[in-house]
Protein backbone atom coordinates (compact mmCIF):
# COMPACT_ATOMS: atom_id res chain seq x y z
CA MET A 1 -7.91 -51.15 -38.63
CA THR A 2 -5.70 -48.51 -40.47
CA GLN A 3 -2.09 -47.81 -39.38
CA GLU A 4 -1.44 -44.34 -38.43
CA MET A 5 1.26 -42.35 -40.22
CA TRP A 6 4.06 -40.10 -38.73
CA ALA A 7 6.65 -37.18 -39.78
CA ASP A 8 9.95 -36.18 -38.69
CA LEU A 9 9.87 -32.61 -40.11
CA HIS A 10 13.38 -31.29 -38.18
CA VAL A 11 15.90 -34.46 -39.53
CA HIS A 12 19.85 -32.75 -40.36
CA THR A 13 22.62 -34.13 -42.20
CA ASN A 14 26.19 -34.54 -42.96
CA CYS A 15 25.88 -31.51 -45.48
CA SER A 16 25.34 -29.23 -42.34
CA ASP A 17 26.30 -30.48 -38.87
CA GLY A 18 25.12 -33.71 -39.01
CA ILE A 19 27.12 -37.51 -38.91
CA LEU A 20 24.81 -38.97 -41.86
CA ASN A 21 24.73 -38.49 -45.85
CA PRO A 22 21.37 -38.05 -46.70
CA GLU A 23 20.55 -41.49 -48.36
CA THR A 24 21.65 -43.09 -44.25
CA VAL A 25 18.74 -40.46 -42.98
CA VAL A 26 15.82 -41.72 -45.20
CA GLN A 27 17.08 -45.22 -45.17
CA ASN A 28 16.68 -45.32 -41.47
CA ALA A 29 13.72 -42.88 -41.68
CA LYS A 30 11.82 -45.84 -43.21
CA GLU A 31 13.68 -48.32 -40.25
CA ALA A 32 11.80 -45.64 -38.12
CA GLY A 33 8.15 -46.29 -39.41
CA LEU A 34 7.96 -42.89 -40.97
CA SER A 35 6.19 -42.50 -43.50
CA ALA A 36 7.70 -38.82 -44.38
CA VAL A 37 10.73 -36.96 -43.09
CA GLY A 38 12.37 -33.06 -43.50
CA ILE A 39 15.68 -32.29 -44.39
CA VAL A 40 16.27 -28.85 -42.72
CA ASP A 41 20.30 -28.58 -42.85
CA HIS A 42 21.40 -25.43 -41.50
CA ASP A 43 21.73 -22.85 -43.91
CA THR A 44 22.61 -25.09 -46.88
CA VAL A 45 20.86 -27.08 -49.56
CA GLN A 46 22.89 -29.80 -50.81
CA GLY A 47 21.02 -32.78 -48.90
CA ILE A 48 17.84 -32.50 -50.45
CA GLN A 49 18.23 -33.98 -53.81
CA PRO A 50 20.08 -36.79 -52.51
CA ALA A 51 17.07 -37.74 -49.84
CA GLU A 52 14.66 -37.50 -53.07
CA THR A 53 16.36 -39.46 -54.74
CA ALA A 54 16.55 -41.96 -51.98
CA GLY A 55 13.08 -40.97 -50.91
CA ALA A 56 11.75 -42.56 -54.51
CA LEU A 57 13.67 -45.20 -53.62
CA TYR A 58 12.28 -46.38 -50.22
CA GLY A 59 9.21 -44.79 -50.05
CA ILE A 60 9.77 -42.03 -47.86
CA GLU A 61 8.03 -38.09 -48.96
CA VAL A 62 10.84 -36.13 -48.35
CA VAL A 63 10.05 -32.58 -47.07
CA PRO A 64 12.62 -30.24 -48.91
CA GLY A 65 13.49 -27.74 -45.89
CA VAL A 66 16.36 -25.20 -44.92
CA GLU A 67 17.54 -23.74 -41.45
CA LEU A 68 18.16 -20.16 -41.26
CA SER A 69 20.38 -18.61 -38.33
CA SER A 70 19.49 -15.63 -37.41
CA GLN A 71 19.68 -13.44 -34.08
CA ILE A 72 17.76 -10.17 -32.77
CA ASN A 73 18.58 -8.55 -29.83
CA GLY A 74 21.29 -10.87 -28.89
CA LYS A 75 18.70 -13.90 -29.20
CA GLU A 76 19.09 -16.91 -31.47
CA ILE A 77 16.71 -17.18 -32.88
CA HIS A 78 16.29 -20.01 -35.55
CA ILE A 79 13.84 -20.05 -38.92
CA ILE A 80 13.13 -23.13 -40.62
CA GLY A 81 11.53 -22.97 -44.50
CA TYR A 82 9.70 -26.07 -46.12
CA SER A 83 8.49 -26.67 -49.58
CA PHE A 84 10.53 -23.53 -50.85
CA ASN A 85 12.47 -23.75 -54.61
CA PRO A 86 15.32 -24.56 -53.42
CA ASP A 87 16.90 -22.79 -56.79
CA CYS A 88 15.83 -19.16 -56.16
CA PRO A 89 18.37 -17.06 -56.89
CA LYS A 90 17.68 -15.11 -53.74
CA LEU A 91 17.88 -17.52 -51.19
CA THR A 92 20.75 -19.61 -53.85
CA ASN A 93 22.73 -15.56 -53.14
CA TYR A 94 22.12 -16.22 -49.50
CA LEU A 95 23.30 -19.79 -48.74
CA GLU A 96 26.84 -18.91 -50.73
CA LEU A 97 27.15 -15.86 -48.91
CA PHE A 98 26.65 -18.19 -45.64
CA CYS A 99 28.37 -20.92 -47.22
CA ARG A 100 32.09 -18.06 -47.20
CA GLU A 101 31.70 -17.40 -43.72
CA ARG A 102 31.94 -20.25 -42.28
CA ILE A 103 35.06 -20.92 -44.28
CA LYS A 104 35.88 -18.00 -42.55
CA ARG A 105 34.29 -19.08 -39.08
CA ALA A 106 36.03 -22.29 -38.85
CA GLY A 107 39.26 -20.81 -40.00
CA LYS A 108 38.82 -18.54 -36.78
CA MET A 109 38.29 -21.95 -34.48
CA ILE A 110 41.24 -23.63 -36.27
CA GLN A 111 43.58 -20.34 -35.34
CA ASN A 112 42.40 -19.92 -31.80
CA LEU A 113 43.24 -23.92 -31.24
CA ASN A 114 46.06 -23.63 -32.22
CA ARG A 115 47.12 -20.22 -30.12
CA ILE A 116 45.57 -22.79 -27.43
CA GLY A 117 48.15 -25.65 -28.18
CA VAL A 118 45.61 -27.37 -30.15
CA HIS A 119 47.00 -28.17 -33.58
CA LEU A 120 44.64 -28.82 -36.65
CA SER A 121 44.59 -27.06 -39.80
CA MET A 122 42.15 -26.27 -42.59
CA SER A 123 43.14 -29.25 -45.18
CA GLU A 124 42.38 -31.96 -42.41
CA VAL A 125 39.46 -29.98 -41.79
CA GLU A 126 37.94 -30.19 -45.29
CA GLU A 127 38.91 -33.38 -45.87
CA LYS A 128 36.27 -34.40 -43.28
CA ALA A 129 33.41 -31.89 -45.01
CA LYS A 130 34.46 -33.90 -48.06
CA GLY A 131 32.92 -30.95 -50.45
CA ASN A 132 30.20 -30.28 -47.90
CA SER A 133 29.48 -27.06 -45.97
CA ILE A 134 31.97 -26.99 -43.01
CA GLY A 135 30.71 -27.06 -39.78
CA ARG A 136 32.08 -27.57 -36.18
CA PRO A 137 30.94 -31.34 -36.15
CA HIS A 138 34.05 -31.16 -38.81
CA ILE A 139 36.12 -29.61 -36.30
CA ALA A 140 35.35 -31.77 -34.05
CA GLU A 141 36.06 -35.18 -36.03
CA VAL A 142 40.10 -34.27 -36.57
CA LEU A 143 40.25 -33.39 -32.52
CA MET A 144 38.87 -36.62 -31.93
CA GLU A 145 40.90 -38.39 -34.83
CA LYS A 146 44.14 -36.58 -33.17
CA GLY A 147 43.41 -37.38 -29.62
CA TYR A 148 42.89 -34.32 -28.31
CA VAL A 149 39.11 -36.00 -26.98
CA GLU A 150 37.61 -38.90 -26.88
CA THR A 151 33.80 -38.41 -28.11
CA PHE A 152 31.66 -35.15 -30.04
CA GLN A 153 30.58 -34.13 -27.11
CA GLU A 154 33.59 -33.82 -25.41
CA ALA A 155 35.45 -32.06 -28.26
CA PHE A 156 31.74 -29.05 -27.64
CA GLN A 157 32.26 -29.00 -24.48
CA LYS A 158 35.51 -28.26 -24.28
CA PHE A 159 36.58 -26.50 -27.76
CA ILE A 160 34.46 -25.69 -29.46
CA GLY A 161 31.08 -25.81 -27.93
CA TYR A 162 29.26 -22.07 -27.16
CA HIS A 163 31.32 -19.82 -24.66
CA SER A 164 34.41 -22.33 -24.85
CA GLU A 165 38.11 -20.94 -26.20
CA ALA A 166 38.39 -21.52 -29.58
CA TYR A 167 34.15 -20.62 -30.31
CA GLU A 168 33.48 -18.00 -32.37
CA ASP A 169 29.89 -16.67 -33.79
CA LYS A 170 28.70 -17.31 -36.88
CA TYR A 171 27.32 -15.32 -39.68
CA ARG A 172 23.61 -13.91 -39.16
CA ILE A 173 20.44 -12.32 -40.37
CA SER A 174 17.60 -11.18 -39.02
CA PRO A 175 14.91 -13.10 -38.28
CA GLU A 176 12.23 -10.90 -40.03
CA GLU A 177 14.89 -11.37 -42.75
CA ALA A 178 14.48 -14.86 -43.38
CA ILE A 179 10.97 -14.85 -43.50
CA ARG A 180 11.30 -12.29 -46.29
CA LEU A 181 14.02 -15.26 -47.91
CA ILE A 182 11.25 -17.91 -47.49
CA PHE A 183 8.24 -16.21 -48.71
CA GLU A 184 10.19 -15.01 -51.31
CA CYS A 185 11.37 -18.66 -52.47
CA ARG A 186 7.47 -19.33 -52.24
CA GLY A 187 8.19 -21.72 -49.36
CA LEU A 188 6.62 -21.72 -45.79
CA SER A 189 8.48 -20.26 -42.69
CA PHE A 190 8.11 -21.98 -38.72
CA LEU A 191 9.35 -20.85 -35.92
CA ALA A 192 11.89 -23.51 -34.82
CA HIS A 193 12.39 -24.85 -31.22
CA PRO A 194 10.93 -21.71 -29.36
CA SER A 195 12.45 -21.89 -25.91
CA PRO A 196 10.55 -19.92 -23.04
CA MET A 197 13.18 -16.54 -23.62
CA VAL A 198 11.15 -16.68 -27.22
CA HIS A 199 8.47 -14.57 -25.71
CA GLU A 200 5.28 -14.57 -27.16
CA GLU A 201 5.26 -10.27 -28.27
CA LEU A 202 8.53 -11.60 -30.20
CA ILE A 203 6.05 -13.96 -31.98
CA LEU A 204 3.86 -11.62 -32.45
CA ASN A 205 6.17 -9.48 -34.52
CA LEU A 206 7.81 -12.52 -36.10
CA ILE A 207 3.69 -13.30 -37.56
CA LYS A 208 3.31 -10.04 -38.59
CA SER A 209 6.46 -10.18 -40.44
CA GLY A 210 5.08 -13.12 -42.53
CA LEU A 211 5.77 -16.24 -40.26
CA ASP A 212 3.77 -19.27 -41.37
CA GLY A 213 4.23 -21.68 -38.45
CA VAL A 214 5.68 -22.77 -35.29
CA GLU A 215 7.58 -25.53 -34.04
CA VAL A 216 5.51 -27.43 -31.28
CA VAL A 217 7.47 -30.97 -31.25
CA HIS A 218 10.99 -30.63 -30.02
CA PRO A 219 13.06 -32.18 -27.71
CA TYR A 220 13.65 -29.02 -26.14
CA VAL A 221 9.95 -27.85 -26.05
CA TYR A 222 8.93 -29.27 -22.54
CA PRO A 223 5.19 -29.73 -22.16
CA ASP A 224 3.92 -26.55 -20.39
CA ARG A 225 5.75 -24.99 -23.12
CA ARG A 226 4.09 -26.89 -26.11
CA LYS A 227 0.72 -26.18 -24.56
CA ALA A 228 1.52 -22.18 -24.25
CA LEU A 229 2.64 -22.35 -27.84
CA GLU A 230 -0.30 -24.24 -29.57
CA GLN A 231 -2.52 -22.03 -27.63
CA ILE A 232 -0.78 -19.15 -29.44
CA ALA A 233 -0.86 -21.00 -32.59
CA ARG A 234 -4.59 -21.44 -32.15
CA GLU A 235 -4.90 -17.69 -31.37
CA HIS A 236 -3.43 -16.79 -34.06
CA HIS A 237 -4.83 -18.80 -37.24
CA LEU A 238 -0.25 -20.61 -37.63
CA LEU A 239 0.51 -23.74 -38.22
CA VAL A 240 2.87 -26.27 -36.39
CA SER A 241 4.83 -28.64 -36.50
CA GLY A 242 7.82 -30.68 -35.34
CA GLY A 243 10.53 -33.28 -35.04
CA SER A 244 13.75 -34.69 -33.62
CA ASP A 245 15.93 -31.93 -34.76
CA CYS A 246 17.94 -35.47 -34.95
CA HIS A 247 21.94 -35.10 -36.14
CA GLY A 248 22.36 -38.56 -37.18
CA GLY A 249 22.59 -40.33 -33.66
CA ARG A 250 20.44 -43.54 -32.74
CA ASP A 251 20.12 -42.87 -28.77
CA GLY A 252 19.50 -40.07 -26.66
CA ILE A 253 16.82 -37.70 -27.21
CA PHE A 254 16.94 -36.61 -30.58
CA THR A 255 17.49 -40.09 -32.17
CA LEU A 256 15.24 -39.29 -35.31
CA GLY A 257 11.68 -40.31 -34.66
CA ARG A 258 11.60 -40.00 -31.57
CA TRP A 259 9.74 -36.76 -31.31
CA LYS A 260 7.47 -36.96 -34.21
CA ILE A 261 4.04 -35.43 -35.49
CA PRO A 262 0.72 -37.47 -36.21
CA PHE A 263 1.06 -37.43 -40.62
CA SER A 264 -2.12 -35.36 -40.59
CA MET A 265 -0.08 -32.44 -39.43
CA PHE A 266 2.33 -32.44 -42.11
CA GLU A 267 -0.96 -32.65 -44.47
CA ALA A 268 -1.97 -29.80 -42.79
CA ILE A 269 1.47 -27.97 -43.87
CA ARG A 270 1.09 -29.38 -47.22
CA GLU A 271 -2.55 -27.68 -47.80
CA ALA A 272 -1.44 -24.79 -46.80
CA HIS A 273 1.11 -23.95 -48.98
CA GLU A 274 -0.70 -24.92 -51.61
CA ALA A 275 -3.07 -22.79 -51.02
CA LYS A 276 -0.66 -19.50 -50.25
CA TRP A 277 1.42 -20.02 -53.32
CA LYS A 278 -2.23 -21.81 -55.59
CA ASN A 279 -3.23 -18.40 -57.52
CA ARG A 280 0.59 -16.39 -57.01
């Protein structure tokens, strides 16, 4: 009897806001019994090459990806790109811009924290980032190290999460711009973890803009929502994908491999990518 193969196509590393480096993520994917893992760091592709190197070592297929932040009508929309050219100049230019904006955002949050008596510096946060794209988890690490909080969760809830005292919004493009950017880099675009607030009309508009697929397996996509998304996908010939959205923890609902898709679903994505770009 052939053993069933699985893929987790939504995983983050410490190149964005994950905890573990790309090599460890791939090693953990092997230990979790996965055959493929999608590295989709937020607005950076720095983790792809080291993950692919580790993938060759551990016999894990690494799917190059990126999760782009976008917004429309006040709603935050994440668009995942898969199997694009990571050296595409337009993508590189955008990611460089976003990196600069992340540094500005971190500086503002540090100023906000200092203003309310929580003292830390940009140099301390940069040390935690170790040359990677600066994010809120690096600020959380410093808050823990200095004794202001005990856990990452407390840091986000108390200081740097949405609607907290120090929070600053991040730079975003429109979802249509994100889809176009992925297309111009010869990739496939997927709507990430669409909540019920992302109504069908919006999804249909994104399809008109070139959306290729939708994420139907995710800790925040509950069974009824998954059925609705799968129905939309069938009716409009969208690809489907999914994964754990793991940021490095080994427990809780976001554990690597806990939310996964059959390898055949990943193969359909790969075949669709080959067909789309074969003669272009």
